[in-house]
Amino acid sequence: MLDMVAEASRHRRRNPHEPADSSARIPSESSEWQGATGRHPGGSLDWNFAAGLPFPFAVPGVRIDMKRLPLIAALLLGLILLSVAIWYGIGASTFRFEKKVELGLTREQAFRLLTDFRFLKRWAGGRENLQRTPKNTFAVGAVTSYALVDGTERYEFAEEVLEVDVPERFVLKITNPLFVSTQTYEFEEVGSDTTRLTVKVEGHLLGRARWGGTYARGAIEERLGAELETLRFSVSQTPDLRRLLDEAAARR
């Protein structure tokens, strides 16, 4: 009887879905560890995922020493800050601004004050070797040259007349070692004896001034503002300026 049972057991039909080796259904501890680290069970593919990082951040073939992460982060931050500083400096190398001032003069008188070479020194202080070519002429192509001293530095300037529309506006091109700009002067009467002067400036920094960025741009704007304020003050403190300007116009 026992022999018949054993024989039946040997010849019973095997389940086609049952693996031949039942041990294959139970993964070994070593195979689970290999799968967690990205190692193919066959051992032929090893991703070497970064230790401790979740899958989306793991880099195939790269191991990261977690102790060096703060140093790497600091270096990356330094590079980012340096890039931003360079971009900001270059971006600020171009400038555009506008200044306004009101003068107690008619529009014709205000225009003459800024264009007649004989009155230039009344408000354009600090300029050395002030000259104009052709002499005492304000027309398209005329050039006014001078030097400005800043501490131990001396800068040569040239102002070329690009446009003239008496007495409404004129346009100058300013060149010097620090920047090149175009300045448009517009004269608008806002009263019988008051003129609003608007100066529109566009330009870009040159050479080492480019590294000054926003600071250099601010210095240019500040200087023009100071000159316009000096102009306004000079007009207000010179009671006979109107007469002098009218006499200068009569002698032309």
C-alpha atoms as a PDB file:
ATOM      1  CA  MET A   1       0.000   0.000   0.000  1.00  0.00           C
ATOM      2  CA  LEU A   2       2.774   2.410   0.880  1.00  0.00           C
ATOM      3  CA  ASP A   3       4.542   1.540  -2.364  1.00  0.00           C
ATOM      4  CA  MET A   4       1.431   2.451  -4.371  1.00  0.00           C
ATOM      5  CA  VAL A   5       1.139   5.854  -2.666  1.00  0.00           C
ATOM      6  CA  ALA A   6       4.784   6.659  -3.313  1.00  0.00           C
ATOM      7  CA  GLU A   7       4.433   5.657  -6.959  1.00  0.00           C
ATOM      8  CA  ALA A   8       1.341   7.842  -7.364  1.00  0.00           C
ATOM      9  CA  SER A   9       3.166  10.772  -5.846  1.00  0.00           C
ATOM     10  CA  ARG A  10       5.998  10.432  -8.320  1.00  0.00           C
ATOM     11  CA  HIS A  11       3.611  10.299 -11.291  1.00  0.00           C
ATOM     12  CA  ARG A  12       1.070  12.925 -10.249  1.00  0.00           C
ATOM     13  CA  ARG A  13       0.621  15.876 -12.698  1.00  0.00           C
ATOM     14  CA  ARG A  14       2.802  18.876 -11.857  1.00  0.00           C
ATOM     15  CA  ASN A  15       1.196  22.408 -11.773  1.00  0.00           C
ATOM     16  CA  PRO A  16       2.494  24.219 -14.927  1.00  0.00           C
ATOM     17  CA  HIS A  17       2.529  27.579 -13.072  1.00  0.00           C
ATOM     18  CA  GLU A  18       4.588  26.250 -10.210  1.00  0.00           C
ATOM     19  CA  PRO A  19       8.322  26.877 -10.586  1.00  0.00           C
ATOM     20  CA  ALA A  20      10.528  23.883 -10.737  1.00  0.00           C
ATOM     21  CA  ASP A  21      12.541  25.181  -7.807  1.00  0.00           C
ATOM     22  CA  SER A  22      10.284  26.543  -5.092  1.00  0.00           C
ATOM     23  CA  SER A  23      13.229  28.324  -3.528  1.00  0.00           C
ATOM     24  CA  ALA A  24      13.203  30.810  -6.480  1.00  0.00           C
ATOM     25  CA  ARG A  25       9.977  32.275  -5.142  1.00  0.00           C
ATOM     26  CA  ILE A  26      11.702  33.498  -2.018  1.00  0.00           C
ATOM     27  CA  PRO A  27      14.297  36.192  -2.797  1.00  0.00           C
ATOM     28  CA  SER A  28      17.440  35.896  -0.830  1.00  0.00           C
ATOM     29  CA  GLU A  29      18.605  38.662   1.481  1.00  0.00           C
ATOM     30  CA  SER A  30      21.544  39.388  -0.808  1.00  0.00           C
ATOM     31  CA  SER A  31      19.341  39.810  -3.916  1.00  0.00           C
ATOM     32  CA  GLU A  32      17.082  42.305  -2.123  1.00  0.00           C
ATOM     33  CA  TRP A  33      20.152  44.344  -1.081  1.00  0.00           C
ATOM     34  CA  GLN A  34      21.437  44.336  -4.663  1.00  0.00           C
ATOM     35  CA  GLY A  35      18.121  45.568  -6.015  1.00  0.00           C
ATOM     36  CA  ALA A  36      18.000  48.411  -3.480  1.00  0.00           C
ATOM     37  CA  THR A  37      21.413  49.660  -4.555  1.00  0.00           C
ATOM     38  CA  GLY A  38      20.644  49.482  -8.252  1.00  0.00           C
ATOM     39  CA  ARG A  39      22.659  46.326  -8.864  1.00  0.00           C
ATOM     40  CA  HIS A  40      21.192  43.946 -11.390  1.00  0.00           C
ATOM     41  CA  PRO A  41      20.594  40.515  -9.831  1.00  0.00           C
ATOM     42  CA  GLY A  42      23.004  39.078 -12.373  1.00  0.00           C
ATOM     43  CA  GLY A  43      25.696  41.469 -11.156  1.00  0.00           C
ATOM     44  CA  SER A  44      26.393  42.996 -14.591  1.00  0.00           C
ATOM     45  CA  LEU A  45      24.860  46.443 -14.028  1.00  0.00           C
ATOM     46  CA  ASP A  46      25.925  48.565 -11.056  1.00  0.00           C
ATOM     47  CA  TRP A  47      24.545  52.133 -10.933  1.00  0.00           C
ATOM     48  CA  ASN A  48      26.393  53.073  -7.739  1.00  0.00           C
ATOM     49  CA  PHE A  49      23.606  55.369  -6.597  1.00  0.00           C
ATOM     50  CA  ALA A  50      24.608  58.201  -4.241  1.00  0.00           C
ATOM     51  CA  ALA A  51      24.406  56.892  -0.736  1.00  0.00           C
ATOM     52  CA  GLY A  52      21.429  58.144   1.213  1.00  0.00           C
ATOM     53  CA  LEU A  53      19.805  60.029  -1.702  1.00  0.00           C
ATOM     54  CA  PRO A  54      16.375  59.034  -3.029  1.00  0.00           C
ATOM     55  CA  PHE A  55      16.187  57.617  -6.519  1.00  0.00           C
ATOM     56  CA  PRO A  56      15.246  60.806  -8.467  1.00  0.00           C
ATOM     57  CA  PHE A  57      18.380  62.553  -7.197  1.00  0.00           C
ATOM     58  CA  ALA A  58      20.790  59.688  -7.675  1.00  0.00           C
ATOM     59  CA  VAL A  59      23.360  60.141 -10.428  1.00  0.00           C
ATOM     60  CA  PRO A  60      24.297  56.988 -12.354  1.00  0.00           C
ATOM     61  CA  GLY A  61      27.948  56.105 -11.992  1.00  0.00           C
ATOM     62  CA  VAL A  62      28.647  58.831  -9.408  1.00  0.00           C
ATOM     63  CA  ARG A  63      29.313  58.473  -5.716  1.00  0.00           C
ATOM     64  CA  ILE A  64      28.969  61.542  -3.476  1.00  0.00           C
ATOM     65  CA  ASP A  65      30.801  61.928  -0.223  1.00  0.00           C
ATOM     66  CA  MET A  66      28.129  63.368   2.043  1.00  0.00           C
ATOM     67  CA  LYS A  67      30.762  64.985   4.241  1.00  0.00           C
ATOM     68  CA  ARG A  68      31.816  67.235   1.357  1.00  0.00           C
ATOM     69  CA  LEU A  69      28.343  68.497   0.497  1.00  0.00           C
ATOM     70  CA  PRO A  70      28.692  71.733   2.560  1.00  0.00           C
ATOM     71  CA  LEU A  71      31.932  72.572   0.719  1.00  0.00           C
ATOM     72  CA  ILE A  72      30.373  71.828  -2.665  1.00  0.00           C
ATOM     73  CA  ALA A  73      27.324  73.942  -1.795  1.00  0.00           C
ATOM     74  CA  ALA A  74      29.555  76.845  -0.705  1.00  0.00           C
ATOM     75  CA  LEU A  75      31.536  76.694  -3.961  1.00  0.00           C
ATOM     76  CA  LEU A  76      28.352  76.651  -6.039  1.00  0.00           C
ATOM     77  CA  LEU A  77      26.949  79.591  -4.094  1.00  0.00           C
ATOM     78  CA  GLY A  78      30.184  81.517  -4.645  1.00  0.00           C
ATOM     79  CA  LEU A  79      30.039  80.882  -8.395  1.00  0.00           C
ATOM     80  CA  ILE A  80      26.417  82.009  -8.517  1.00  0.00           C
ATOM     81  CA  LEU A  81      27.175  85.231  -6.626  1.00  0.00           C
ATOM     82  CA  LEU A  82      30.173  85.947  -8.866  1.00  0.00           C
ATOM     83  CA  SER A  83      28.067  85.406 -11.988  1.00  0.00           C
ATOM     84  CA  VAL A  84      25.365  87.720 -10.673  1.00  0.00           C
ATOM     85  CA  ALA A  85      27.954  90.399  -9.839  1.00  0.00           C
ATOM     86  CA  ILE A  86      29.486  90.216 -13.329  1.00  0.00           C
ATOM     87  CA  TRP A  87      26.072  90.268 -14.994  1.00  0.00           C
ATOM     88  CA  TYR A  88      24.938  93.179 -12.828  1.00  0.00           C
ATOM     89  CA  GLY A  89      28.097  95.162 -13.559  1.00  0.00           C
ATOM     90  CA  ILE A  90      27.845  94.644 -17.300  1.00  0.00           C
ATOM     91  CA  GLY A  91      24.108  95.282 -17.269  1.00  0.00           C
ATOM     92  CA  ALA A  92      24.658  98.596 -15.508  1.00  0.00           C
ATOM     93  CA  SER A  93      27.262  99.700 -18.058  1.00  0.00           C
ATOM     94  CA  THR A  94      24.464 101.300 -20.064  1.00  0.00           C
ATOM     95  CA  PHE A  95      22.597 104.192 -18.530  1.00  0.00           C
ATOM     96  CA  ARG A  96      19.627 106.411 -19.204  1.00  0.00           C
ATOM     97  CA  PHE A  97      18.201 109.146 -17.038  1.00  0.00           C
ATOM     98  CA  GLU A  98      16.488 112.517 -17.158  1.00  0.00           C
ATOM     99  CA  LYS A  99      16.995 115.722 -15.183  1.00  0.00           C
ATOM    100  CA  LYS A 100      14.861 118.863 -14.984  1.00  0.00           C
ATOM    101  CA  VAL A 101      15.378 122.354 -13.642  1.00  0.00           C
ATOM    102  CA  GLU A 102      13.416 125.613 -13.868  1.00  0.00           C
ATOM    103  CA  LEU A 103      15.223 128.827 -14.724  1.00  0.00           C
ATOM    104  CA  GLY A 104      13.994 132.384 -14.219  1.00  0.00           C
ATOM    105  CA  LEU A 105      14.592 133.255 -17.891  1.00  0.00           C
ATOM    106  CA  THR A 106      12.676 133.316 -21.124  1.00  0.00           C
ATOM    107  CA  ARG A 107      13.219 130.360 -23.418  1.00  0.00           C
ATOM    108  CA  GLU A 108      15.449 132.391 -25.765  1.00  0.00           C
ATOM    109  CA  GLN A 109      17.562 133.627 -22.857  1.00  0.00           C
ATOM    110  CA  ALA A 110      17.926 130.141 -21.357  1.00  0.00           C
ATOM    111  CA  PHE A 111      18.934 128.702 -24.721  1.00  0.00           C
ATOM    112  CA  ARG A 112      21.531 131.430 -25.194  1.00  0.00           C
ATOM    113  CA  LEU A 113      22.937 130.924 -21.704  1.00  0.00           C
ATOM    114  CA  LEU A 114      23.726 127.273 -22.431  1.00  0.00           C
ATOM    115  CA  THR A 115      25.009 127.710 -25.980  1.00  0.00           C
ATOM    116  CA  ASP A 116      26.887 131.031 -26.000  1.00  0.00           C
ATOM    117  CA  PHE A 117      30.527 130.258 -25.223  1.00  0.00           C
ATOM    118  CA  ARG A 118      30.940 133.580 -23.378  1.00  0.00           C
ATOM    119  CA  PHE A 119      28.479 132.447 -20.691  1.00  0.00           C
ATOM    120  CA  LEU A 120      29.644 128.871 -20.369  1.00  0.00           C
ATOM    121  CA  LYS A 121      31.997 129.489 -17.459  1.00  0.00           C
ATOM    122  CA  ARG A 122      29.178 131.042 -15.438  1.00  0.00           C
ATOM    123  CA  TRP A 123      27.686 127.628 -14.716  1.00  0.00           C
ATOM    124  CA  ALA A 124      30.036 124.977 -16.073  1.00  0.00           C
ATOM    125  CA  GLY A 125      32.567 125.251 -13.270  1.00  0.00           C
ATOM    126  CA  GLY A 126      35.553 122.968 -12.843  1.00  0.00           C
ATOM    127  CA  ARG A 127      36.374 122.775 -16.545  1.00  0.00           C
ATOM    128  CA  GLU A 128      39.977 123.450 -17.540  1.00  0.00           C
ATOM    129  CA  ASN A 129      41.322 124.470 -20.961  1.00  0.00           C
ATOM    130  CA  LEU A 130      37.803 125.263 -22.147  1.00  0.00           C
ATOM    131  CA  GLN A 131      37.798 125.725 -25.935  1.00  0.00           C
ATOM    132  CA  ARG A 132      35.358 125.606 -28.828  1.00  0.00           C
ATOM    133  CA  THR A 133      36.029 124.887 -32.485  1.00  0.00           C
ATOM    134  CA  PRO A 134      35.041 126.863 -34.533  1.00  0.00           C
ATOM    135  CA  LYS A 135      35.509 129.608 -31.973  1.00  0.00           C
ATOM    136  CA  ASN A 136      32.342 131.108 -30.445  1.00  0.00           C
ATOM    137  CA  THR A 137      30.166 129.078 -32.799  1.00  0.00           C
ATOM    138  CA  PHE A 138      27.322 126.810 -31.750  1.00  0.00           C
ATOM    139  CA  ALA A 139      26.217 124.851 -34.806  1.00  0.00           C
ATOM    140  CA  VAL A 140      26.110 121.259 -35.990  1.00  0.00           C
ATOM    141  CA  GLY A 141      29.666 119.922 -36.019  1.00  0.00           C
ATOM    142  CA  ALA A 142      31.052 122.419 -33.500  1.00  0.00           C
ATOM    143  CA  VAL A 143      33.117 120.824 -30.716  1.00  0.00           C
ATOM    144  CA  THR A 144      33.694 122.107 -27.192  1.00  0.00           C
ATOM    145  CA  SER A 145      36.679 120.523 -25.444  1.00  0.00           C
ATOM    146  CA  TYR A 146      37.813 120.736 -21.836  1.00  0.00           C
ATOM    147  CA  ALA A 147      39.397 118.727 -19.028  1.00  0.00           C
ATOM    148  CA  LEU A 148      37.979 117.654 -15.690  1.00  0.00           C
ATOM    149  CA  VAL A 149      40.227 116.832 -12.753  1.00  0.00           C
ATOM    150  CA  ASP A 150      39.137 114.270 -10.169  1.00  0.00           C
ATOM    151  CA  GLY A 151      41.777 113.949  -7.470  1.00  0.00           C
ATOM    152  CA  THR A 152      44.925 112.827  -9.238  1.00  0.00           C
ATOM    153  CA  GLU A 153      43.041 111.825 -12.395  1.00  0.00           C
ATOM    154  CA  ARG A 154      42.587 114.131 -15.372  1.00  0.00           C
ATOM    155  CA  TYR A 155      39.962 113.360 -18.015  1.00  0.00           C
ATOM    156  CA  GLU A 156      39.673 114.986 -21.428  1.00  0.00           C
ATOM    157  CA  PHE A 157      36.131 115.665 -22.653  1.00  0.00           C
ATOM    158  CA  ALA A 158      34.697 116.600 -26.040  1.00  0.00           C
ATOM    159  CA  GLU A 159      31.146 117.791 -26.715  1.00  0.00           C
ATOM    160  CA  GLU A 160      30.059 117.668 -30.343  1.00  0.00           C
ATOM    161  CA  VAL A 161      26.875 119.399 -31.491  1.00  0.00           C
ATOM    162  CA  LEU A 162      24.644 116.914 -33.318  1.00  0.00           C
ATOM    163  CA  GLU A 163      21.404 118.887 -33.639  1.00  0.00           C
ATOM    164  CA  VAL A 164      20.294 122.484 -33.105  1.00  0.00           C
ATOM    165  CA  ASP A 165      16.734 123.813 -33.141  1.00  0.00           C
ATOM    166  CA  VAL A 166      16.764 127.366 -31.755  1.00  0.00           C
ATOM    167  CA  PRO A 167      15.367 127.989 -29.154  1.00  0.00           C
ATOM    168  CA  GLU A 168      13.665 124.649 -28.497  1.00  0.00           C
ATOM    169  CA  ARG A 169      16.378 122.025 -28.256  1.00  0.00           C
ATOM    170  CA  PHE A 170      19.901 120.901 -29.039  1.00  0.00           C
ATOM    171  CA  VAL A 171      21.695 117.555 -28.884  1.00  0.00           C
ATOM    172  CA  LEU A 172      25.285 116.895 -27.835  1.00  0.00           C
ATOM    173  CA  LYS A 173      27.513 113.847 -28.087  1.00  0.00           C
ATOM    174  CA  ILE A 174      29.829 113.588 -25.067  1.00  0.00           C
ATOM    175  CA  THR A 175      33.010 111.519 -25.370  1.00  0.00           C
ATOM    176  CA  ASN A 176      35.710 110.886 -22.763  1.00  0.00           C
ATOM    177  CA  PRO A 177      37.749 107.933 -21.437  1.00  0.00           C
ATOM    178  CA  LEU A 178      34.991 106.930 -19.004  1.00  0.00           C
ATOM    179  CA  PHE A 179      31.815 106.992 -21.077  1.00  0.00           C
ATOM    180  CA  VAL A 180      30.081 108.046 -24.283  1.00  0.00           C
ATOM    181  CA  SER A 181      26.655 109.637 -24.106  1.00  0.00           C
ATOM    182  CA  THR A 182      24.067 111.615 -26.010  1.00  0.00           C
ATOM    183  CA  GLN A 183      22.472 114.520 -24.160  1.00  0.00           C
ATOM    184  CA  THR A 184      19.309 116.191 -25.401  1.00  0.00           C
ATOM    185  CA  TYR A 185      18.475 119.635 -23.978  1.00  0.00           C
ATOM    186  CA  GLU A 186      14.838 120.708 -24.308  1.00  0.00           C
ATOM    187  CA  PHE A 187      13.527 124.184 -23.392  1.00  0.00           C
ATOM    188  CA  GLU A 188       9.882 124.709 -22.443  1.00  0.00           C
ATOM    189  CA  GLU A 189       8.326 127.985 -21.328  1.00  0.00           C
ATOM    190  CA  VAL A 190       6.155 127.481 -18.250  1.00  0.00           C
ATOM    191  CA  GLY A 191       5.587 131.186 -17.568  1.00  0.00           C
ATOM    192  CA  SER A 192       6.384 134.589 -18.990  1.00  0.00           C
ATOM    193  CA  ASP A 193       9.808 134.583 -17.327  1.00  0.00           C
ATOM    194  CA  THR A 194      10.318 130.916 -16.476  1.00  0.00           C
ATOM    195  CA  THR A 195      11.717 128.104 -18.595  1.00  0.00           C
ATOM    196  CA  ARG A 196      11.828 124.416 -17.754  1.00  0.00           C
ATOM    197  CA  LEU A 197      15.018 122.770 -18.960  1.00  0.00           C
ATOM    198  CA  THR A 198      14.887 118.992 -19.441  1.00  0.00           C
ATOM    199  CA  VAL A 199      18.092 117.064 -20.088  1.00  0.00           C
ATOM    200  CA  LYS A 200      17.743 113.501 -21.382  1.00  0.00           C
ATOM    201  CA  VAL A 201      20.867 111.363 -21.214  1.00  0.00           C
ATOM    202  CA  GLU A 202      21.642 108.008 -22.821  1.00  0.00           C
ATOM    203  CA  GLY A 203      25.046 106.344 -22.919  1.00  0.00           C
ATOM    204  CA  HIS A 204      27.350 103.535 -21.910  1.00  0.00           C
ATOM    205  CA  LEU A 205      30.434 103.202 -19.754  1.00  0.00           C
ATOM    206  CA  LEU A 206      33.879 102.507 -21.176  1.00  0.00           C
ATOM    207  CA  GLY A 207      37.016 100.733 -19.967  1.00  0.00           C
ATOM    208  CA  ARG A 208      37.483 100.376 -16.245  1.00  0.00           C
ATOM    209  CA  ALA A 209      34.383 102.481 -15.596  1.00  0.00           C
ATOM    210  CA  ARG A 210      32.332  99.450 -16.683  1.00  0.00           C
ATOM    211  CA  TRP A 211      33.359  97.693 -13.495  1.00  0.00           C
ATOM    212  CA  GLY A 212      31.950 100.623 -11.546  1.00  0.00           C
ATOM    213  CA  GLY A 213      28.504  99.660 -12.809  1.00  0.00           C
ATOM    214  CA  THR A 214      25.710 101.328 -10.901  1.00  0.00           C
ATOM    215  CA  TYR A 215      28.145 103.425  -8.863  1.00  0.00           C
ATOM    216  CA  ALA A 216      29.704 104.990 -11.986  1.00  0.00           C
ATOM    217  CA  ARG A 217      26.289 105.584 -13.509  1.00  0.00           C
ATOM    218  CA  GLY A 218      25.150 107.276 -10.308  1.00  0.00           C
ATOM    219  CA  ALA A 219      28.231 109.511 -10.309  1.00  0.00           C
ATOM    220  CA  ILE A 220      27.461 110.710 -13.854  1.00  0.00           C
ATOM    221  CA  GLU A 221      23.855 111.455 -12.963  1.00  0.00           C
ATOM    222  CA  GLU A 222      24.884 113.189  -9.760  1.00  0.00           C
ATOM    223  CA  ARG A 223      27.387 115.431 -11.552  1.00  0.00           C
ATOM    224  CA  LEU A 224      24.854 116.552 -14.150  1.00  0.00           C
ATOM    225  CA  GLY A 225      22.344 117.245 -11.404  1.00  0.00           C
ATOM    226  CA  ALA A 226      24.935 119.354  -9.573  1.00  0.00           C
ATOM    227  CA  GLU A 227      25.709 121.338 -12.733  1.00  0.00           C
ATOM    228  CA  LEU A 228      22.032 122.074 -13.339  1.00  0.00           C
ATOM    229  CA  GLU A 229      21.625 123.189  -9.748  1.00  0.00           C
ATOM    230  CA  THR A 230      24.663 125.461 -10.150  1.00  0.00           C
ATOM    231  CA  LEU A 231      23.048 126.846 -13.295  1.00  0.00           C
ATOM    232  CA  ARG A 232      19.780 127.544 -11.486  1.00  0.00           C
ATOM    233  CA  PHE A 233      21.604 129.174  -8.577  1.00  0.00           C
ATOM    234  CA  SER A 234      23.726 131.319 -10.909  1.00  0.00           C
ATOM    235  CA  VAL A 235      20.623 132.596 -12.679  1.00  0.00           C
ATOM    236  CA  SER A 236      18.852 133.412  -9.424  1.00  0.00           C
ATOM    237  CA  GLN A 237      21.902 135.239  -8.033  1.00  0.00           C
ATOM    238  CA  THR A 238      22.607 137.365 -11.116  1.00  0.00           C
ATOM    239  CA  PRO A 239      19.985 140.137 -11.336  1.00  0.00           C
ATOM    240  CA  ASP A 240      21.473 141.640 -14.491  1.00  0.00           C
ATOM    241  CA  LEU A 241      21.811 138.311 -16.336  1.00  0.00           C
ATOM    242  CA  ARG A 242      18.745 138.980 -18.463  1.00  0.00           C
ATOM    243  CA  ARG A 243      20.225 142.250 -19.645  1.00  0.00           C
ATOM    244  CA  LEU A 244      23.590 140.635 -20.388  1.00  0.00           C
ATOM    245  CA  LEU A 245      21.943 137.885 -22.402  1.00  0.00           C
ATOM    246  CA  ASP A 246      19.832 140.354 -24.370  1.00  0.00           C
ATOM    247  CA  GLU A 247      22.888 142.507 -25.097  1.00  0.00           C
ATOM    248  CA  ALA A 248      24.809 139.436 -26.257  1.00  0.00           C
ATOM    249  CA  ALA A 249      21.972 138.597 -28.628  1.00  0.00           C
ATOM    250  CA  ALA A 250      21.989 142.159 -30.015  1.00  0.00           C
ATOM    251  CA  ARG A 251      25.730 141.962 -30.745  1.00  0.00           C
ATOM    252  CA  ARG A 252      25.462 138.780 -32.771  1.00  0.00           C
END
